[in-house]
Amino acid sequence: MNSGTPLSGQNDIVGTVLTLGENMKLAIVSDQISTDFREAVEYGLEWGIEDFELRNMTTGRVPYVTSEELEQIIDVKEEYGINVSAISPGLFRISLKEEEQLKLELEEKIYDSFRFADKLGTKDVIIFSFKRYPNEPQSNYIQIVHILGRMTSLAEKYGFRLLLENDIDYWCQTGEDTAQILEEINSKSLRANWDPANAYAAGEIPYPYGFLAIRKYVASIHVKDAIRSMNDNIDWVMVGQGEVDWKGQFQAIMHGIDLKYVTIETSCKPVLEYSRRNILQINNMVDDYILDDNYMIR
């Protein structure tokens, strides 16, 4: 760690594990603390976080890290007793025009991602829905659904679950169009990694409208916030300082949604400081909610 005394084990944890209810936990994308997994875990545990989504590491984006770093990740996981909530290998962050890369992702990267996830003890793999290129024909939608359906069948065969993340300029940008593809494929092995801030960036009002469309498919949520600048650019900001109605969104997900993880994806710099602030902000939001007579978040 960059300051203070490094943690040597769980007995040194000063934070209390943060939960958002009986079955829902607060997680964080580890690179939103540090690409050094040990450092990310030590800070996370201080802040009450024991669940981490893996994406960008010191030697590359998962699953393509060095064997030495993979061993270090496994060692840290076992030493501190933390959980890997999901991995995000960046599958299908390409357009259909990129035929060579698409072949590689369908024939190799998906399998490498499953193997990597299995070694880290998670069954959840985040994927994307292909970038849209200028003047792309709408008829490509059929091919998108076909490919994602094939990958879903593969995930089901090997005991994994794909989490489809919405992102701006992809076939799934918003809650509404993500829900449409999920309905087309209709499998429990393909659910949504709902990102309200990305939906906002794509022009949707994420809560309540995007969430109403996608809520029955949501298996995890990425938490960040955004504002649109005067020149129409998107700026990522601390949770609660942007245009996403996070108070409303948190109230909604704590009313009967079967959700295991809510995952911080800070996205604004400096990520270490803003990740810490986001955890405090989310904790404060949740502390204010009385959901009903039998369910109180304290």
Protein backbone atom coordinates (compact mmCIF):
# COMPACT_ATOMS: atom_id res chain seq x y z
CA MET A 1 0.00 0.00 0.00
CA ASN A 2 1.15 3.55 -0.62
CA SER A 3 0.51 4.79 2.91
CA GLY A 4 0.21 3.36 6.36
CA THR A 5 1.22 -0.13 7.45
CA PRO A 6 0.56 -2.89 4.93
CA LEU A 7 -2.01 -5.42 6.00
CA SER A 8 -0.59 -8.82 6.78
CA GLY A 9 -3.85 -10.73 6.99
CA GLN A 10 -7.50 -10.61 7.88
CA ASN A 11 -6.82 -9.95 11.57
CA ASP A 12 -5.58 -6.48 10.58
CA ILE A 13 -8.78 -5.50 8.76
CA VAL A 14 -10.17 -2.28 10.18
CA GLY A 15 -13.27 -2.06 7.95
CA THR A 16 -16.60 -3.77 8.45
CA VAL A 17 -17.79 -5.88 5.52
CA LEU A 18 -20.34 -3.82 3.61
CA THR A 19 -23.66 -5.38 2.63
CA LEU A 20 -26.75 -3.88 1.01
CA GLY A 21 -29.20 -6.29 2.60
CA GLU A 22 -29.40 -9.90 3.61
CA ASN A 23 -28.01 -11.35 0.37
CA MET A 24 -26.55 -8.38 -1.53
CA LYS A 25 -22.92 -7.30 -1.19
CA LEU A 26 -20.88 -4.33 -2.30
CA ALA A 27 -17.99 -5.28 -4.60
CA ILE A 28 -15.48 -3.26 -6.59
CA VAL A 29 -13.60 -3.63 -9.88
CA SER A 30 -10.10 -4.22 -8.53
CA ASP A 31 -8.39 -1.92 -11.05
CA GLN A 32 -10.48 0.94 -9.65
CA ILE A 33 -8.13 0.71 -6.68
CA SER A 34 -4.95 -0.65 -8.27
CA THR A 35 -3.88 -3.04 -11.02
CA ASP A 36 -1.69 -4.65 -8.35
CA PHE A 37 -4.13 -7.16 -6.91
CA ARG A 38 -2.53 -7.39 -3.48
CA GLU A 39 -2.65 -3.61 -3.10
CA ALA A 40 -6.26 -3.50 -4.33
CA VAL A 41 -7.32 -6.18 -1.86
CA GLU A 42 -5.55 -4.55 1.08
CA TYR A 43 -7.22 -1.21 0.46
CA GLY A 44 -10.55 -2.91 -0.27
CA LEU A 45 -10.50 -4.83 2.99
CA GLU A 46 -9.72 -1.64 4.91
CA TRP A 47 -12.85 -0.16 3.35
CA GLY A 48 -15.03 -3.17 4.13
CA ILE A 49 -14.90 -4.73 0.65
CA GLU A 50 -14.15 -8.46 0.33
CA ASP A 51 -15.51 -9.10 -3.20
CA PHE A 52 -13.61 -8.05 -6.32
CA GLU A 53 -14.34 -8.06 -10.04
CA LEU A 54 -11.19 -8.69 -12.08
CA ARG A 55 -10.47 -6.78 -15.30
CA ASN A 56 -7.14 -4.99 -15.85
CA MET A 57 -4.21 -6.40 -13.91
CA THR A 58 -0.53 -5.47 -13.85
CA THR A 59 0.46 -7.62 -16.84
CA GLY A 60 -2.70 -7.38 -18.93
CA ARG A 61 -6.44 -7.73 -19.08
CA VAL A 62 -7.83 -11.03 -17.83
CA PRO A 63 -7.51 -13.82 -18.86
CA TYR A 64 -4.25 -12.81 -20.51
CA VAL A 65 -1.99 -12.15 -17.54
CA THR A 66 1.33 -13.84 -16.96
CA SER A 67 1.38 -17.20 -15.19
CA GLU A 68 3.35 -15.56 -12.39
CA GLU A 69 0.66 -12.93 -11.85
CA LEU A 70 -2.10 -15.52 -11.95
CA GLU A 71 -0.31 -17.44 -9.20
CA GLN A 72 0.00 -14.22 -7.19
CA ILE A 73 -3.73 -13.51 -7.60
CA ILE A 74 -4.62 -17.00 -6.39
CA ASP A 75 -2.22 -16.63 -3.44
CA VAL A 76 -3.74 -13.28 -2.43
CA LYS A 77 -7.25 -14.68 -2.75
CA GLU A 78 -6.39 -17.58 -0.44
CA GLU A 79 -4.33 -15.50 2.00
CA TYR A 80 -7.06 -12.94 2.64
CA GLY A 81 -10.09 -15.13 2.08
CA ILE A 82 -11.65 -12.74 -0.41
CA ASN A 83 -14.01 -13.57 -3.30
CA VAL A 84 -13.82 -12.92 -7.02
CA SER A 85 -17.32 -11.81 -7.97
CA ALA A 86 -16.79 -11.88 -11.76
CA ILE A 87 -14.19 -11.43 -14.47
CA SER A 88 -14.41 -8.95 -17.34
CA PRO A 89 -12.19 -10.15 -20.20
CA GLY A 90 -13.54 -7.62 -22.71
CA LEU A 91 -15.22 -10.22 -24.90
CA PHE A 92 -17.00 -8.77 -27.95
CA ARG A 93 -15.75 -5.20 -27.54
CA ILE A 94 -15.26 -5.31 -31.30
CA SER A 95 -17.43 -4.82 -34.37
CA LEU A 96 -18.56 -7.56 -36.72
CA LYS A 97 -16.18 -6.10 -39.31
CA GLU A 98 -13.20 -7.30 -37.25
CA GLU A 99 -13.49 -10.84 -38.55
CA GLU A 100 -10.05 -12.12 -37.54
CA GLN A 101 -10.45 -10.90 -33.95
CA LEU A 102 -13.99 -12.26 -33.83
CA LYS A 103 -12.76 -15.70 -34.86
CA LEU A 104 -10.12 -15.55 -32.11
CA GLU A 105 -12.68 -14.59 -29.47
CA LEU A 106 -15.14 -17.31 -30.50
CA GLU A 107 -12.57 -20.09 -30.80
CA GLU A 108 -10.05 -19.22 -28.07
CA LYS A 109 -10.76 -16.26 -25.81
CA ILE A 110 -14.13 -17.48 -24.55
CA TYR A 111 -12.57 -20.80 -23.47
CA ASP A 112 -9.54 -19.06 -21.94
CA SER A 113 -11.95 -16.84 -20.00
CA PHE A 114 -13.87 -19.84 -18.64
CA ARG A 115 -10.63 -21.50 -17.55
CA PHE A 116 -9.43 -18.32 -15.86
CA ALA A 117 -12.76 -17.80 -14.08
CA ASP A 118 -12.74 -21.39 -12.88
CA LYS A 119 -9.28 -20.98 -11.35
CA LEU A 120 -10.51 -17.93 -9.44
CA GLY A 121 -13.69 -19.60 -8.23
CA THR A 122 -16.28 -17.54 -10.09
CA LYS A 123 -18.90 -18.61 -12.63
CA ASP A 124 -19.72 -15.09 -13.88
CA VAL A 125 -18.07 -13.72 -17.03
CA ILE A 126 -18.94 -10.21 -18.24
CA ILE A 127 -19.32 -9.77 -22.00
CA PHE A 128 -20.33 -7.00 -24.41
CA SER A 129 -22.61 -6.83 -27.43
CA PHE A 130 -20.33 -5.68 -30.30
CA LYS A 131 -19.55 -2.13 -31.29
CA ARG A 132 -21.75 -0.61 -33.95
CA TYR A 133 -19.89 0.79 -36.92
CA PRO A 134 -21.09 3.73 -39.08
CA ASN A 135 -24.05 2.85 -41.33
CA GLU A 136 -24.11 -0.73 -40.03
CA PRO A 137 -27.21 -2.48 -41.41
CA GLN A 138 -29.91 -3.32 -38.89
CA SER A 139 -29.95 -6.82 -40.38
CA ASN A 140 -26.71 -7.49 -38.44
CA TYR A 141 -28.89 -7.69 -35.35
CA ILE A 142 -29.78 -11.25 -36.30
CA GLN A 143 -26.09 -12.20 -36.40
CA ILE A 144 -25.49 -10.54 -33.01
CA VAL A 145 -28.31 -12.54 -31.43
CA HIS A 146 -27.02 -15.72 -33.07
CA ILE A 147 -23.46 -15.27 -31.77
CA LEU A 148 -24.54 -14.33 -28.27
CA GLY A 149 -26.95 -17.26 -28.25
CA ARG A 150 -24.15 -19.66 -29.22
CA MET A 151 -21.90 -18.29 -26.49
CA THR A 152 -24.73 -18.61 -23.98
CA SER A 153 -25.18 -22.27 -24.88
CA LEU A 154 -21.45 -22.77 -24.44
CA ALA A 155 -21.54 -21.10 -21.02
CA GLU A 156 -24.45 -23.27 -19.97
CA LYS A 157 -22.64 -26.41 -21.13
CA TYR A 158 -19.60 -25.65 -18.97
CA GLY A 159 -21.48 -24.27 -15.96
CA PHE A 160 -20.82 -20.55 -16.40
CA ARG A 161 -23.06 -17.50 -16.63
CA LEU A 162 -22.52 -14.62 -19.06
CA LEU A 163 -23.36 -11.12 -17.87
CA LEU A 164 -24.14 -8.79 -20.78
CA GLU A 165 -23.02 -5.22 -20.08
CA ASN A 166 -24.63 -2.29 -21.85
CA ASP A 167 -22.24 0.35 -23.22
CA ILE A 168 -22.51 3.38 -25.46
CA ASP A 169 -22.22 2.75 -29.22
CA TYR A 170 -22.80 -1.00 -28.80
CA TRP A 171 -25.80 -3.04 -29.89
CA CYS A 172 -26.79 -3.06 -26.22
CA GLN A 173 -26.53 0.57 -25.11
CA THR A 174 -29.55 0.97 -22.90
CA GLY A 175 -31.77 -1.01 -20.59
CA GLU A 176 -34.38 -1.25 -23.30
CA ASP A 177 -32.25 -2.66 -26.10
CA THR A 178 -30.31 -4.95 -23.73
CA ALA A 179 -33.59 -6.39 -22.48
CA GLN A 180 -34.66 -6.99 -26.09
CA ILE A 181 -31.64 -9.20 -26.81
CA LEU A 182 -31.92 -10.99 -23.47
CA GLU A 183 -35.56 -11.73 -24.23
CA GLU A 184 -34.63 -13.06 -27.67
CA ILE A 185 -32.08 -15.50 -26.22
CA ASN A 186 -34.13 -16.26 -23.10
CA SER A 187 -31.60 -18.18 -21.00
CA LYS A 188 -30.69 -18.15 -17.32
CA SER A 189 -27.09 -18.46 -18.48
CA LEU A 190 -27.25 -14.96 -20.00
CA ARG A 191 -28.21 -12.14 -17.66
CA ALA A 192 -27.53 -8.40 -17.48
CA ASN A 193 -24.64 -6.55 -15.94
CA TRP A 194 -26.70 -3.37 -15.72
CA ASP A 195 -24.73 -0.11 -16.03
CA PRO A 196 -27.08 2.85 -15.50
CA ALA A 197 -24.38 5.45 -16.17
CA ASN A 198 -23.58 3.89 -19.56
CA ALA A 199 -27.30 3.94 -20.36
CA TYR A 200 -27.40 7.63 -19.42
CA ALA A 201 -24.41 8.27 -21.70
CA ALA A 202 -26.35 6.58 -24.52
CA GLY A 203 -29.30 8.95 -24.04
CA GLU A 204 -31.62 6.85 -21.87
CA ILE A 205 -33.06 7.87 -18.52
CA PRO A 206 -31.65 4.85 -16.68
CA TYR A 207 -33.87 5.05 -13.64
CA PRO A 208 -36.72 4.50 -13.75
CA TYR A 209 -37.16 3.87 -17.50
CA GLY A 210 -34.13 1.76 -18.40
CA PHE A 211 -34.38 -0.24 -15.20
CA LEU A 212 -38.08 -0.94 -15.71
CA ALA A 213 -37.20 -2.52 -19.07
CA ILE A 214 -34.29 -4.63 -17.83
CA ARG A 215 -35.04 -5.36 -14.18
CA LYS A 216 -36.11 -9.00 -14.54
CA TYR A 217 -32.77 -9.81 -16.22
CA VAL A 218 -30.41 -7.94 -13.85
CA ALA A 219 -27.84 -10.17 -12.13
CA SER A 220 -25.26 -7.50 -11.25
CA ILE A 221 -24.91 -3.73 -11.40
CA HIS A 222 -21.98 -1.43 -12.11
CA VAL A 223 -22.03 1.74 -10.03
CA LYS A 224 -20.59 4.99 -11.36
CA ASP A 225 -22.08 8.36 -12.24
CA ALA A 226 -21.98 10.74 -15.18
CA ILE A 227 -22.86 14.21 -16.37
CA ARG A 228 -23.16 15.58 -19.89
CA SER A 229 -20.99 18.65 -20.49
CA MET A 230 -21.91 21.71 -22.56
CA ASN A 231 -20.17 20.23 -25.62
CA ASP A 232 -22.15 16.99 -25.18
CA ASN A 233 -19.20 14.99 -23.85
CA ILE A 234 -19.71 12.55 -21.01
CA ASP A 235 -17.76 13.15 -17.81
CA TRP A 236 -17.59 10.45 -15.14
CA VAL A 237 -18.08 11.80 -11.63
CA MET A 238 -18.51 10.59 -8.06
CA VAL A 239 -21.72 8.72 -7.29
CA GLY A 240 -24.43 11.22 -6.38
CA GLN A 241 -22.83 14.12 -8.25
CA GLY A 242 -24.10 13.12 -11.69
CA GLU A 243 -27.40 12.64 -13.46
CA VAL A 244 -28.11 9.00 -12.55
CA ASP A 245 -30.84 8.70 -9.91
CA TRP A 246 -28.83 6.40 -7.66
CA LYS A 247 -31.08 6.93 -4.65
CA GLY A 248 -34.04 5.69 -6.64
CA GLN A 249 -32.01 2.88 -8.21
CA PHE A 250 -30.77 1.61 -4.84
CA GLN A 251 -34.28 1.68 -3.40
CA ALA A 252 -35.53 -0.32 -6.38
CA ILE A 253 -32.86 -3.02 -6.27
CA MET A 254 -33.41 -3.55 -2.56
CA HIS A 255 -37.09 -4.27 -3.17
CA GLY A 256 -37.05 -7.95 -4.10
CA ILE A 257 -34.42 -8.06 -6.88
CA ASP A 258 -32.38 -11.27 -6.72
CA LEU A 259 -29.00 -9.59 -6.88
CA LYS A 260 -25.77 -10.80 -5.30
CA TYR A 261 -23.37 -7.99 -6.17
CA VAL A 262 -23.46 -4.24 -6.66
CA THR A 263 -20.02 -3.37 -8.03
CA ILE A 264 -18.25 -0.01 -7.90
CA GLU A 265 -16.66 1.02 -11.20
CA THR A 266 -15.48 4.51 -10.25
CA SER A 267 -14.11 5.63 -13.67
CA CYS A 268 -13.09 9.15 -12.52
CA LYS A 269 -9.58 10.09 -11.44
CA PRO A 270 -7.84 9.76 -9.10
CA VAL A 271 -9.55 6.35 -8.92
CA LEU A 272 -8.15 5.40 -5.51
CA GLU A 273 -9.55 8.49 -3.78
CA TYR A 274 -12.85 8.49 -5.66
CA SER A 275 -13.35 4.78 -5.07
CA ARG A 276 -13.01 5.41 -1.33
CA ARG A 277 -15.46 8.32 -1.56
CA ASN A 278 -17.91 6.25 -3.59
CA ILE A 279 -17.94 3.52 -0.95
CA LEU A 280 -18.71 6.09 1.74
CA GLN A 281 -21.39 7.69 -0.41
CA ILE A 282 -23.12 4.40 -1.19
CA ASN A 283 -22.95 3.35 2.43
CA ASN A 284 -24.54 6.66 3.47
CA MET A 285 -27.29 6.29 0.87
CA VAL A 286 -28.12 2.79 2.02
CA ASP A 287 -28.05 3.79 5.71
CA ASP A 288 -30.91 6.22 5.04
CA TYR A 289 -33.33 3.66 3.63
CA ILE A 290 -36.15 2.05 5.53
CA LEU A 291 -37.62 -0.33 3.01
CA ASP A 292 -40.63 -1.67 4.95
CA ASP A 293 -41.70 -2.69 8.44
CA ASN A 294 -39.66 -5.90 8.35
CA TYR A 295 -36.62 -4.76 6.42
CA MET A 296 -34.36 -1.96 7.56
CA ILE A 297 -30.90 -1.11 6.29
CA ARG A 298 -28.83 0.13 9.23
